[in-house]
Amino acid sequence: MLDFSVSTGQLILIWSFAGAVCCLPFFTKNIWQRFFTVPVIFISIWLSFYTNYEFIGRPMDDRPPEKFVYEHHAVIYERNGDRLIILWALKDGINKLFRFPWTEQNEEALDQAKRNAERSGIPQMGEIIKEDPVDKRSRNNEFTLKTYRFPFQEMMPK
């Protein structure tokens, strides 16, 4: 499954542009136009590497998946005073970082998962609790997390 974020969208556009520019020499008849396309190709390649380098290792500004394995979390403070949670989660064998708005309930649930994992050594699962569609008063796309011990019987049946 492909996860599209701003960085992948930007890279796709830059690579498409570079590919289109690479094909221009086949359709140009003047030699000066061919010499003009070479720097444009190099600039496009440089932009793609620069964009990729800037976004490597950054968390996605998104809510975590419906079910995930908890690895670690941290609460950070933005310059404007907002608090955010950065969650390191494992979903389908892939490690991902998520960044989402802080709520006290989510911080407590993740702190409990951290304590349980450190104390018992058993991996912790996380799940997004479905909210009642009638009660849509939450702002900023808030959600509630629930954590619990890794259900070995469900995930690895005999």
Protein backbone atom coordinates (compact mmCIF):
# COMPACT_ATOMS: atom_id res chain seq x y z
CA MET A 1 0.00 0.00 0.00
CA LEU A 2 1.28 3.48 -0.83
CA ASP A 3 1.11 6.25 1.71
CA PHE A 4 0.98 9.61 -0.02
CA SER A 5 2.16 12.59 1.92
CA VAL A 6 3.22 16.05 0.87
CA SER A 7 6.80 14.88 0.33
CA THR A 8 5.87 12.01 -1.98
CA GLY A 9 3.52 14.26 -3.91
CA GLN A 10 6.27 16.81 -4.33
CA LEU A 11 8.76 14.16 -5.43
CA ILE A 12 6.34 12.73 -7.98
CA LEU A 13 5.80 16.19 -9.48
CA ILE A 14 9.52 16.96 -9.58
CA TRP A 15 10.40 13.59 -11.12
CA SER A 16 7.60 13.94 -13.67
CA PHE A 17 8.89 17.38 -14.60
CA ALA A 18 12.47 16.07 -14.86
CA GLY A 19 11.31 13.15 -17.01
CA ALA A 20 9.40 15.46 -19.33
CA VAL A 21 12.41 17.77 -19.60
CA CYS A 22 14.68 14.78 -20.35
CA CYS A 23 12.49 13.98 -23.35
CA LEU A 24 12.65 17.52 -24.74
CA PRO A 25 15.94 17.04 -26.63
CA PHE A 26 14.25 14.39 -28.76
CA PHE A 27 11.73 16.95 -30.00
CA THR A 28 13.93 20.04 -30.36
CA LYS A 29 15.64 20.92 -33.60
CA ASN A 30 17.83 23.80 -32.46
CA ILE A 31 21.07 22.97 -30.70
CA TRP A 32 20.74 25.90 -28.27
CA GLN A 33 17.48 24.40 -26.95
CA ARG A 34 19.30 21.16 -26.19
CA PHE A 35 21.97 23.04 -24.23
CA PHE A 36 19.22 24.84 -22.31
CA THR A 37 17.56 21.59 -21.19
CA VAL A 38 20.72 20.15 -19.59
CA PRO A 39 20.83 22.67 -16.69
CA VAL A 40 17.07 22.30 -16.22
CA ILE A 41 17.52 18.52 -15.89
CA PHE A 42 20.30 18.95 -13.32
CA ILE A 43 18.25 21.46 -11.34
CA SER A 44 15.27 19.07 -11.32
CA ILE A 45 17.44 16.20 -10.10
CA TRP A 46 18.99 18.42 -7.40
CA LEU A 47 15.50 19.55 -6.28
CA SER A 48 14.31 15.95 -5.99
CA PHE A 49 17.29 14.95 -3.84
CA TYR A 50 16.97 18.07 -1.71
CA THR A 51 13.24 17.51 -1.16
CA ASN A 52 13.80 13.86 -0.32
CA TYR A 53 16.60 14.74 2.12
CA GLU A 54 14.44 17.36 3.87
CA PHE A 55 11.60 14.92 4.54
CA ILE A 56 13.56 11.80 5.54
CA GLY A 57 12.82 10.91 9.15
CA ARG A 58 10.15 13.54 9.70
CA PRO A 59 6.87 12.47 11.24
CA MET A 60 3.70 12.52 9.17
CA ASP A 61 1.13 15.07 10.31
CA ASP A 62 -1.58 12.46 10.53
CA ARG A 63 -3.44 10.33 12.98
CA PRO A 64 -2.03 6.86 13.64
CA PRO A 65 -3.62 3.82 11.97
CA GLU A 66 -6.69 2.18 13.52
CA LYS A 67 -4.51 -0.53 15.15
CA PHE A 68 -0.76 -0.37 15.70
CA VAL A 69 2.05 -1.68 17.90
CA TYR A 70 3.33 0.99 20.26
CA GLU A 71 7.09 1.60 20.20
CA HIS A 72 7.66 5.02 21.82
CA HIS A 73 6.26 8.53 22.09
CA ALA A 74 7.27 12.04 23.06
CA VAL A 75 5.41 15.27 23.80
CA ILE A 76 6.94 18.30 22.13
CA TYR A 77 6.22 22.01 22.36
CA GLU A 78 5.97 24.09 19.21
CA ARG A 79 7.25 27.65 19.07
CA ASN A 80 3.69 29.00 19.12
CA GLY A 81 2.99 27.16 22.41
CA ASP A 82 1.01 24.23 21.00
CA ARG A 83 1.78 20.78 22.30
CA LEU A 84 2.08 17.86 19.92
CA ILE A 85 2.58 14.14 20.38
CA ILE A 86 5.09 12.29 18.23
CA LEU A 87 4.31 8.59 18.15
CA TRP A 88 6.61 5.87 16.89
CA ALA A 89 4.35 3.01 15.83
CA LEU A 90 4.68 -0.27 13.96
CA LYS A 91 1.98 -1.14 11.42
CA ASP A 92 2.22 -4.16 9.12
CA GLY A 93 5.93 -4.51 9.91
CA ILE A 94 6.73 -0.90 8.93
CA ASN A 95 8.02 1.66 11.44
CA LYS A 96 6.38 5.07 11.11
CA LEU A 97 6.37 8.38 12.95
CA PHE A 98 3.12 10.26 13.45
CA ARG A 99 2.61 13.77 14.78
CA PHE A 100 -0.79 14.85 16.05
CA PRO A 101 -2.31 17.40 18.47
CA TRP A 102 -1.82 16.74 22.17
CA THR A 103 -4.72 15.77 24.39
CA GLU A 104 -4.44 14.78 28.03
CA GLN A 105 -6.26 11.47 27.43
CA ASN A 106 -3.91 10.45 24.64
CA GLU A 107 -0.82 11.36 26.65
CA GLU A 108 -2.07 9.34 29.63
CA ALA A 109 -2.82 6.31 27.43
CA LEU A 110 0.61 6.46 25.79
CA ASP A 111 2.36 6.97 29.16
CA GLN A 112 0.56 3.90 30.47
CA ALA A 113 1.69 1.89 27.43
CA LYS A 114 5.26 3.04 27.99
CA ARG A 115 5.19 2.03 31.67
CA ASN A 116 3.64 -1.35 30.87
CA ALA A 117 6.20 -2.09 28.16
CA GLU A 118 9.10 -1.13 30.44
CA ARG A 119 7.73 -3.05 33.41
CA SER A 120 6.67 -6.29 31.76
CA GLY A 121 8.60 -6.27 28.49
CA ILE A 122 5.43 -7.19 26.60
CA PRO A 123 4.72 -5.12 23.49
CA GLN A 124 1.73 -2.81 23.71
CA MET A 125 -0.97 -2.37 21.11
CA GLY A 126 -2.69 0.90 20.36
CA GLU A 127 -6.09 1.50 18.88
CA ILE A 128 -8.14 4.53 17.94
CA ILE A 129 -11.45 4.54 19.77
CA LYS A 130 -14.32 5.26 17.42
CA GLU A 131 -16.23 8.29 18.54
CA ASP A 132 -19.97 8.53 18.51
CA PRO A 133 -20.98 10.29 15.26
CA VAL A 134 -23.69 12.18 17.18
CA ASP A 135 -21.07 13.74 19.47
CA LYS A 136 -19.01 15.61 16.86
CA ARG A 137 -17.91 18.43 19.13
CA SER A 138 -14.21 17.58 18.92
CA ARG A 139 -12.02 20.16 17.28
CA ASN A 140 -8.80 19.80 15.29
CA ASN A 141 -9.68 16.25 14.24
CA GLU A 142 -9.09 15.01 17.79
CA PHE A 143 -9.37 11.33 18.61
CA THR A 144 -8.86 9.09 21.60
CA LEU A 145 -6.24 6.35 21.85
CA LYS A 146 -6.57 3.15 23.82
CA THR A 147 -3.56 0.95 24.63
CA TYR A 148 -3.42 -2.64 25.86
CA ARG A 149 -1.10 -5.66 25.99
CA PHE A 150 -0.17 -7.30 22.73
CA PRO A 151 -2.77 -10.03 22.03
CA PHE A 152 -0.47 -12.89 21.03
CA GLN A 153 -3.40 -15.29 20.63
CA GLU A 154 -5.11 -13.07 18.08
CA MET A 155 -2.03 -12.05 16.13
CA MET A 156 -0.28 -15.43 16.10
CA PRO A 157 -2.85 -18.23 16.35
CA LYS A 158 -1.68 -21.82 16.62
